Amino acid sequence: MRKPRKRSFEELVAENKLQLLRDQEALDKIEAKLEEKRLGKAE
């Protein structure tokens, strides 16, 4: 049996990005947080 190969950081980021793009609820939460940050800096 072979050892599972460790994934590079770039591979993990790409995989995470694909998961997030498929998960609309997570995208909505991220957008809401970004909007709050923008509104906070505007004041």
C-alpha atoms as a PDB file:
ATOM      1  CA  MET A   1       0.000   0.000   0.000  1.00  0.00           C
ATOM      2  CA  ARG A   2       1.223   3.448  -0.898  1.00  0.00           C
ATOM      3  CA  LYS A   3       1.202   6.350   1.499  1.00  0.00           C
ATOM      4  CA  PRO A   4      -1.281   9.052   0.588  1.00  0.00           C
ATOM      5  CA  ARG A   5       0.590  11.927  -1.043  1.00  0.00           C
ATOM      6  CA  LYS A   6       0.538  15.195   0.871  1.00  0.00           C
ATOM      7  CA  ARG A   7      -1.234  17.896  -1.069  1.00  0.00           C
ATOM      8  CA  SER A   8       0.461  21.212  -1.674  1.00  0.00           C
ATOM      9  CA  PHE A   9      -0.975  24.450  -0.351  1.00  0.00           C
ATOM     10  CA  GLU A  10      -2.003  25.462  -3.890  1.00  0.00           C
ATOM     11  CA  GLU A  11      -3.943  22.216  -4.325  1.00  0.00           C
ATOM     12  CA  LEU A  12      -5.742  22.716  -1.014  1.00  0.00           C
ATOM     13  CA  VAL A  13      -6.653  26.305  -1.924  1.00  0.00           C
ATOM     14  CA  ALA A  14      -7.991  25.225  -5.327  1.00  0.00           C
ATOM     15  CA  GLU A  15     -10.052  22.443  -3.743  1.00  0.00           C
ATOM     16  CA  ASN A  16     -11.447  24.815  -1.106  1.00  0.00           C
ATOM     17  CA  LYS A  17     -12.322  27.378  -3.782  1.00  0.00           C
ATOM     18  CA  LEU A  18     -14.269  24.778  -5.777  1.00  0.00           C
ATOM     19  CA  GLN A  19     -16.149  23.668  -2.667  1.00  0.00           C
ATOM     20  CA  LEU A  20     -17.087  27.257  -1.841  1.00  0.00           C
ATOM     21  CA  LEU A  21     -18.233  27.996  -5.375  1.00  0.00           C
ATOM     22  CA  ARG A  22     -20.607  25.016  -5.146  1.00  0.00           C
ATOM     23  CA  ASP A  23     -21.910  26.088  -1.702  1.00  0.00           C
ATOM     24  CA  GLN A  24     -24.206  29.086  -2.245  1.00  0.00           C
ATOM     25  CA  GLU A  25     -24.957  29.487   1.484  1.00  0.00           C
ATOM     26  CA  ALA A  26     -21.245  29.825   2.309  1.00  0.00           C
ATOM     27  CA  LEU A  27     -20.815  32.354  -0.510  1.00  0.00           C
ATOM     28  CA  ASP A  28     -23.697  34.402   0.869  1.00  0.00           C
ATOM     29  CA  LYS A  29     -22.094  34.470   4.343  1.00  0.00           C
ATOM     30  CA  ILE A  30     -18.744  35.588   2.902  1.00  0.00           C
ATOM     31  CA  GLU A  31     -20.416  38.333   0.854  1.00  0.00           C
ATOM     32  CA  ALA A  32     -22.299  39.556   3.929  1.00  0.00           C
ATOM     33  CA  LYS A  33     -19.073  39.751   5.964  1.00  0.00           C
ATOM     34  CA  LEU A  34     -17.302  41.655   3.184  1.00  0.00           C
ATOM     35  CA  GLU A  35     -20.227  44.070   2.923  1.00  0.00           C
ATOM     36  CA  GLU A  36     -20.101  44.704   6.689  1.00  0.00           C
ATOM     37  CA  LYS A  37     -16.367  45.442   6.449  1.00  0.00           C
ATOM     38  CA  ARG A  38     -16.907  47.879   3.566  1.00  0.00           C
ATOM     39  CA  LEU A  39     -19.670  49.679   5.445  1.00  0.00           C
ATOM     40  CA  GLY A  40     -17.520  49.862   8.588  1.00  0.00           C
ATOM     41  CA  LYS A  41     -14.598  51.428   6.712  1.00  0.00           C
ATOM     42  CA  ALA A  42     -16.871  53.921   4.947  1.00  0.00           C
ATOM     43  CA  GLU A  43     -17.984  55.494   8.235  1.00  0.00           C
END
